[in-house]
Protein backbone atom coordinates (compact mmCIF):
# COMPACT_ATOMS: atom_id res chain seq x y z
CA MET A 1 0.13 0.03 -0.09
CA PHE A 2 1.31 3.41 -0.92
CA VAL A 3 1.22 5.89 2.04
CA ARG A 4 1.62 9.50 1.65
CA TRP A 5 3.13 11.91 4.43
CA SER A 6 1.82 15.02 6.08
CA ASN A 7 4.61 17.24 4.46
CA LEU A 8 3.48 16.15 1.07
CA THR A 9 1.04 18.43 -0.28
CA LEU A 10 -1.38 18.41 -3.53
CA ASP A 11 -1.15 21.39 -5.62
CA GLY A 12 -4.91 22.22 -5.52
CA ASP A 13 -6.06 18.88 -6.86
CA GLU A 14 -3.73 19.56 -9.82
CA GLN A 15 -3.33 16.61 -12.22
CA ARG A 16 -1.46 16.43 -15.39
CA GLN A 17 -1.83 13.76 -18.36
CA LEU A 18 1.66 12.49 -19.23
CA PRO A 19 2.22 10.77 -22.54
CA GLY A 20 2.44 6.93 -22.25
CA TYR A 21 0.34 6.80 -19.05
CA ARG A 22 -3.61 6.19 -19.30
CA ASP A 23 -4.54 8.03 -16.06
CA PRO A 24 -3.53 11.52 -15.24
CA ALA A 25 -0.63 12.01 -12.76
CA ALA A 26 -1.25 13.67 -9.22
CA VAL A 27 1.02 16.41 -8.95
CA ARG A 28 2.41 16.94 -5.44
CA ARG A 29 5.18 19.04 -3.73
CA PHE A 30 7.42 18.32 -0.41
CA GLU A 31 7.48 21.14 2.14
CA ALA A 32 11.28 20.31 2.32
CA PRO A 33 13.99 23.04 1.60
CA GLU A 34 15.59 20.57 -0.87
CA ALA A 35 12.49 20.36 -2.85
CA LEU A 36 10.60 23.57 -2.68
CA ASP A 37 10.87 24.22 -6.44
CA MET A 38 10.15 20.59 -7.47
CA ARG A 39 7.04 18.91 -8.54
CA PHE A 40 6.44 15.27 -8.25
CA TYR A 41 4.05 13.31 -10.67
CA GLU A 42 2.58 10.14 -9.15
CA VAL A 43 1.84 7.67 -11.95
CA HIS A 44 0.72 4.09 -12.05
CA ALA A 45 2.86 2.01 -14.51
CA LYS A 46 1.40 -0.88 -16.14
CA SER A 47 5.08 -2.49 -16.26
CA VAL A 48 8.26 -1.79 -14.69
CA LEU A 49 10.55 -4.24 -16.39
CA ASN A 50 12.17 -2.54 -19.37
CA ARG A 51 13.86 -4.73 -22.03
CA VAL A 52 17.18 -3.50 -23.17
CA PRO A 53 17.35 -3.02 -26.97
CA PRO A 54 18.66 -6.38 -28.83
CA GLN A 55 21.37 -4.37 -30.49
CA SER A 56 22.87 -3.36 -27.36
CA ARG A 57 26.06 -4.96 -26.07
CA MET A 58 25.15 -4.40 -22.40
CA PRO A 59 25.56 -7.53 -20.01
CA PHE A 60 21.88 -7.55 -18.98
CA ARG A 61 18.62 -7.58 -20.92
CA TRP A 62 16.31 -6.01 -18.33
CA THR A 63 16.28 -2.77 -16.27
CA ILE A 64 13.96 -1.15 -13.72
CA ASN A 65 13.79 2.68 -13.31
CA PRO A 66 11.01 3.65 -10.57
CA TYR A 67 11.71 7.44 -11.30
CA ARG A 68 12.02 9.59 -14.49
CA GLY A 69 13.90 12.91 -14.16
CA CYS A 70 16.72 13.10 -11.42
CA SER A 71 17.29 15.96 -9.00
CA HIS A 72 21.04 15.35 -8.92
CA ALA A 73 21.08 17.84 -11.71
CA CYS A 74 24.29 16.29 -13.35
CA ASN A 75 24.86 18.79 -16.27
CA PHE A 76 26.31 15.61 -18.47
CA CYS A 77 23.63 13.26 -17.72
CA PHE A 78 22.82 11.01 -20.69
CA ALA A 79 19.23 10.43 -19.54
CA ARG A 80 18.12 13.99 -20.01
CA PRO A 81 16.51 13.35 -23.54
CA THR A 82 14.19 10.83 -22.17
CA HIS A 83 12.35 13.54 -20.40
CA THR A 84 11.24 14.95 -23.85
CA PHE A 85 9.05 11.85 -24.28
CA LEU A 86 6.98 13.20 -21.22
CA GLY A 87 6.45 16.71 -22.50
CA PHE A 88 9.22 18.13 -20.44
CA ASN A 89 12.38 19.92 -21.55
CA PRO A 90 15.81 18.18 -21.03
CA GLY A 91 17.14 21.09 -19.00
CA ARG A 92 15.58 22.47 -15.87
CA ASP A 93 12.51 20.18 -16.26
CA PHE A 94 14.71 17.06 -16.11
CA GLU A 95 15.93 18.20 -12.62
CA ARG A 96 12.62 19.53 -11.24
CA GLU A 97 9.65 17.68 -12.80
CA ILE A 98 10.11 14.20 -11.26
CA VAL A 99 7.96 11.20 -12.27
CA VAL A 100 7.25 8.75 -9.37
CA LYS A 101 5.94 5.16 -10.31
CA VAL A 102 4.09 4.63 -7.10
CA ASN A 103 3.02 1.15 -7.86
CA ALA A 104 6.43 -0.08 -9.11
CA PRO A 105 6.80 -2.58 -6.16
CA GLU A 106 3.52 -4.25 -6.71
CA VAL A 107 3.61 -4.25 -10.37
CA LEU A 108 7.06 -5.87 -10.24
CA ARG A 109 5.86 -8.61 -8.13
CA VAL A 110 3.41 -9.55 -10.69
CA GLU A 111 5.94 -9.42 -13.51
CA LEU A 112 8.40 -11.62 -11.61
CA ALA A 113 5.58 -14.31 -10.86
CA ARG A 114 4.87 -14.66 -14.50
CA ALA A 115 5.49 -18.23 -15.91
CA SER A 116 7.08 -16.59 -18.99
CA TRP A 117 9.73 -14.91 -16.68
CA LYS A 118 12.98 -16.57 -16.80
CA GLY A 119 14.73 -15.00 -13.91
CA GLU A 120 17.23 -13.04 -16.09
CA HIS A 121 19.45 -10.38 -14.38
CA VAL A 122 17.88 -7.03 -13.68
CA ALA A 123 19.85 -3.78 -13.51
CA LEU A 124 18.73 -0.82 -11.43
CA GLY A 125 19.96 2.84 -11.94
CA THR A 126 20.66 2.57 -15.74
CA ASN A 127 18.55 5.67 -16.51
CA THR A 128 18.04 8.07 -13.53
CA ASP A 129 19.44 7.43 -10.11
CA PRO A 130 17.07 5.14 -7.98
CA TYR A 131 18.47 6.65 -4.87
CA GLN A 132 18.04 10.23 -5.74
CA TRP A 133 16.68 12.71 -3.12
CA VAL A 134 12.88 11.67 -3.63
CA GLU A 135 13.60 8.03 -2.59
CA GLY A 136 14.27 9.13 0.84
CA ARG A 137 10.42 10.15 0.87
CA TYR A 138 8.79 7.55 -1.31
CA ARG A 139 10.81 4.48 -0.39
CA ARG A 140 9.99 2.58 -3.65
CA ARG A 141 13.38 0.83 -3.53
CA GLU A 142 12.57 -1.14 -0.40
CA GLY A 143 9.54 -2.84 -1.96
CA ILE A 144 11.52 -3.48 -5.21
CA TRP A 145 14.29 -5.23 -3.22
CA GLU A 146 11.66 -7.19 -1.20
CA ALA A 147 10.19 -8.41 -4.51
CA ARG A 148 13.57 -9.42 -5.96
CA ARG A 149 14.47 -11.27 -2.71
CA ASP A 150 11.30 -13.27 -2.60
CA ALA A 151 11.60 -14.06 -6.37
CA ALA A 152 15.47 -15.07 -5.75
CA ASN A 153 16.04 -12.94 -8.77
CA PRO A 154 19.63 -11.86 -9.72
CA CYS A 155 20.19 -8.07 -9.77
CA SER A 156 22.51 -5.04 -9.36
CA VAL A 157 22.24 -1.38 -8.80
CA LEU A 158 24.20 1.64 -10.02
CA THR A 159 23.94 4.98 -7.99
CA LYS A 160 25.68 8.04 -6.91
CA SER A 161 24.14 8.15 -3.34
CA PRO A 162 25.16 6.28 -0.15
CA LEU A 163 21.39 6.05 0.70
CA LEU A 164 21.58 2.60 -0.82
CA LEU A 165 23.01 1.77 2.65
CA ARG A 166 19.73 2.14 4.06
CA ASP A 167 18.66 -0.92 2.21
CA LEU A 168 21.82 -3.14 3.15
CA PRO A 169 19.95 -5.71 5.16
CA LEU A 170 17.67 -6.43 2.02
CA MET A 171 20.50 -6.62 -0.28
CA LEU A 172 22.30 -9.12 1.94
CA GLU A 173 19.29 -11.42 1.99
CA ILE A 174 18.92 -11.19 -1.82
CA ALA A 175 22.65 -12.22 -1.96
CA GLU A 176 21.73 -15.22 -0.07
CA ARG A 177 19.36 -16.42 -2.75
CA ALA A 178 20.67 -14.88 -5.91
CA SER A 179 23.86 -12.91 -7.39
CA PHE A 180 23.85 -9.25 -6.38
CA SER A 181 26.16 -6.50 -6.91
CA ALA A 182 26.57 -2.62 -6.66
CA CYS A 183 28.46 0.12 -8.12
CA LEU A 184 28.93 3.83 -7.00
CA SER A 185 29.46 6.32 -9.75
CA ILE A 186 32.19 8.73 -8.58
CA PRO A 187 33.46 11.08 -11.44
CA THR A 188 35.88 13.03 -9.19
CA LEU A 189 37.25 13.95 -5.69
CA ASP A 190 37.90 17.57 -6.74
CA GLU A 191 35.31 19.55 -4.81
CA LYS A 192 35.08 22.32 -7.49
CA ALA A 193 34.47 20.00 -10.33
CA TRP A 194 31.95 17.81 -8.29
CA ARG A 195 29.90 20.81 -7.17
CA ALA A 196 30.02 22.42 -10.76
CA THR A 197 28.92 19.44 -12.59
CA GLU A 198 26.85 17.42 -9.99
CA PRO A 199 25.42 20.00 -8.02
CA HIS A 200 22.99 18.03 -5.94
CA THR A 201 24.76 14.80 -5.50
CA PRO A 202 26.11 13.48 -2.26
CA SER A 203 29.90 13.93 -1.36
CA PRO A 204 32.19 11.96 -3.55
CA ARG A 205 34.05 10.83 -0.15
CA ALA A 206 30.69 9.58 1.15
CA ARG A 207 30.18 7.39 -1.82
CA LEU A 208 33.62 5.98 -1.40
CA GLU A 209 32.70 5.09 2.13
CA ALA A 210 29.63 3.35 0.85
CA VAL A 211 31.95 1.29 -1.31
CA ALA A 212 34.05 0.32 1.66
CA GLU A 213 30.89 -0.42 3.90
CA LEU A 214 29.16 -2.44 1.16
CA ASN A 215 32.35 -4.49 0.56
CA ARG A 216 32.92 -5.07 3.96
CA ALA A 217 29.44 -6.55 4.41
CA GLY A 218 29.83 -8.93 1.70
CA ILE A 219 28.23 -7.21 -1.35
CA PRO A 220 30.69 -6.87 -4.32
CA THR A 221 30.72 -3.28 -5.13
CA GLY A 222 32.75 -1.16 -7.74
CA VAL A 223 33.51 2.26 -8.74
CA LEU A 224 32.54 3.88 -12.09
CA ILE A 225 34.57 7.17 -12.72
CA ALA A 226 32.16 8.63 -15.24
CA PRO A 227 32.20 10.78 -17.19
CA LEU A 228 35.83 11.81 -17.45
CA MET A 229 35.50 15.42 -18.94
CA PRO A 230 38.66 16.96 -20.56
CA GLY A 231 39.92 20.04 -18.58
CA ILE A 232 37.45 19.35 -15.90
CA ASN A 233 38.25 16.08 -13.90
CA ASP A 234 40.78 14.32 -16.18
CA ALA A 235 44.00 15.61 -14.81
CA PRO A 236 46.32 12.94 -13.26
CA HIS A 237 46.41 14.69 -10.05
CA GLN A 238 42.55 14.36 -9.97
CA VAL A 239 42.33 10.71 -11.09
CA GLU A 240 45.03 9.01 -9.36
CA PRO A 241 43.97 9.70 -6.07
CA LEU A 242 40.38 8.52 -6.75
CA LEU A 243 41.78 5.27 -8.18
CA GLU A 244 43.92 4.70 -4.84
CA LEU A 245 40.96 5.39 -2.53
CA ALA A 246 38.77 3.19 -4.75
CA ALA A 247 41.24 0.24 -4.37
CA GLN A 248 41.52 0.99 -0.69
CA ALA A 249 37.82 0.75 -0.51
CA GLY A 250 37.95 -2.78 -1.80
CA ALA A 251 36.27 -1.85 -5.17
CA THR A 252 35.66 -5.00 -7.00
CA SER A 253 35.87 -3.21 -10.28
CA ILE A 254 36.99 0.34 -11.34
CA GLY A 255 36.00 1.62 -14.75
CA GLY A 256 35.87 4.73 -16.56
CA VAL A 257 33.66 6.48 -19.30
CA ALA A 258 34.70 9.28 -21.39
CA LEU A 259 32.06 12.31 -21.77
CA HIS A 260 29.60 11.72 -24.52
CA LEU A 261 27.12 14.30 -25.70
CA ARG A 262 24.14 12.79 -27.65
CA GLY A 263 21.21 14.59 -28.51
CA GLU A 264 19.80 17.50 -26.20
CA VAL A 265 22.47 16.60 -23.74
CA ARG A 266 24.98 18.60 -25.86
CA GLY A 267 23.07 21.66 -25.71
CA VAL A 268 22.58 21.45 -21.80
CA PHE A 269 26.21 20.77 -21.41
CA MET A 270 27.72 23.27 -23.88
CA ASP A 271 25.39 26.01 -22.35
CA TRP A 272 26.82 25.20 -18.89
CA LEU A 273 30.39 25.33 -20.49
CA ARG A 274 29.85 28.91 -21.97
CA SER A 275 28.64 30.14 -18.85
CA GLN A 276 30.95 28.70 -16.29
CA ARG A 277 34.14 27.34 -18.35
CA PRO A 278 34.30 29.62 -21.48
CA ASP A 279 38.10 28.73 -21.48
CA LEU A 280 37.06 25.18 -22.56
CA VAL A 281 34.58 25.94 -25.35
CA ALA A 282 36.72 26.02 -28.33
CA ARG A 283 38.41 22.65 -27.12
CA TYR A 284 35.09 21.02 -26.74
CA GLU A 285 33.72 22.20 -29.95
CA GLU A 286 36.65 20.67 -31.55
CA LEU A 287 36.62 17.33 -29.59
CA TYR A 288 32.85 16.73 -30.35
CA ARG A 289 32.62 18.53 -33.69
CA ARG A 290 31.82 15.49 -35.61
CA ARG A 291 30.04 12.85 -33.07
CA ALA A 292 28.75 12.71 -29.83
CA TYR A 293 31.95 10.55 -28.50
CA ALA A 294 35.40 11.64 -27.75
CA PRO A 295 37.81 10.89 -30.45
CA GLN A 296 39.81 7.73 -30.31
CA GLU A 297 43.18 9.62 -29.44
CA GLU A 298 41.38 11.28 -26.46
CA ARG A 299 40.22 7.88 -25.31
CA GLU A 300 43.73 6.32 -25.58
CA ARG A 301 45.20 9.38 -23.57
CA LEU A 302 42.57 8.66 -20.66
CA ALA A 303 43.50 4.94 -20.96
CA ARG A 304 47.12 5.57 -20.29
CA MET A 305 46.36 7.56 -17.27
CA VAL A 306 44.06 4.90 -15.96
CA ARG A 307 46.70 2.33 -16.49
CA ARG A 308 49.19 4.55 -14.63
CA GLY A 309 47.03 4.68 -11.70
CA GLY A 310 47.02 0.79 -11.57
CA ALA A 311 43.53 0.10 -12.89
CA PRO A 312 42.90 -1.85 -15.99
CA SER A 313 41.96 -0.03 -19.12
CA ALA A 314 38.23 0.73 -19.59
CA PHE A 315 38.64 2.31 -23.07
CA ARG A 316 38.10 1.02 -26.56
CA LEU A 317 41.17 1.17 -28.57
CA ARG A 318 40.16 -0.62 -31.82
CA GLY A 319 38.49 2.35 -33.57
CA GLN A 320 34.89 1.25 -32.85
CA GLU A 321 32.23 3.63 -31.50
CA PRO A 322 31.79 3.21 -27.75
CA GLU A 323 28.78 1.56 -26.48
CA GLU A 324 26.13 3.75 -26.75
CA ASP A 325 25.30 3.96 -22.79
CA ALA A 326 28.72 2.58 -21.50
CA GLU A 327 27.68 3.79 -18.04
CA LEU A 328 25.17 0.97 -17.73
CA ALA A 329 27.66 -1.81 -18.15
CA PHE A 330 28.94 -1.31 -14.69
CA ALA A 331 25.55 -1.55 -13.10
CA SER A 332 26.42 -5.36 -13.12
CA SER A 333 29.63 -6.12 -11.27
CA THR A 334 32.50 -7.08 -13.36
CA PRO A 335 35.62 -8.35 -11.51
CA VAL A 336 38.65 -6.07 -12.09
CA ALA A 337 40.48 -9.01 -13.60
CA GLN A 338 37.78 -9.60 -16.19
CA GLN A 339 36.59 -6.12 -16.94
CA GLU A 340 35.96 -5.42 -20.67
CA SER A 341 36.94 -2.22 -22.62
CA LEU A 342 34.20 0.43 -22.37
CA PHE A 343 35.60 3.53 -24.27
């Protein structure tokens, strides 16, 4: 049963019809400093298991995303274009107009119980962060983990938030019955770069502490250094301490992903660059002039830096295009010794 709180208010019985949903969404606000300018659209999903496109090279075929839009407000987020499918813009709307699938745990139980379901691995956190701010209020993850536990279904999670430690007891219960792994995305330890590019995310050091705690508890947990952005967080003095601390935290995988600027993400990121880092505009216009991905020589440069830090390469070096959503590959645990190239 879904429960609302006293500090959650209805906007004058406001409702909005969102594309793809049969019933209008109830529009609500939280009376909390972190969410005063945000609106939350409660929808009832018909399905929550999303099939990964067959052409994808991801190591999993299914994902779950209980939220659409993300209050982390990362200026590089590859998921921003998906908000246009809902009639929102990929800029401020993506950060402030958050869709909540309030019935996600109940729908998932039904889907996992179907005779046609084969118990395949399901990755969480592959679009927007499942542990963004709103999860602390709606708590959809707990019911989702309980459904996964009861179905003994293998799964993994990728997040930027140590809030996932709240659900560690459930994760351990899942791990007793099926494979389970976690990954924390940590692009940088540099405070200036962090606050500029991921303005509403938890501290990178808090994320590293979560990696260590999860690994101590027996949950295989890795670190994804993504994205690496030229001139912003890619200097050796920025990357090497992160690699060292990730290893000290017992990271079972350490991977990196170069910035890519597909679709509307290019406009959002370049607008930010012109405003905050005009010194880098010409460099980025040249790097991403012909395609959404960094040139091969740039990926090779980053690969060498990662190798110097003692981590295995996480770059494509044979001239092929990177995996379209390479970030997602690390939502499922890949042992360091077996890690595949991702750039």
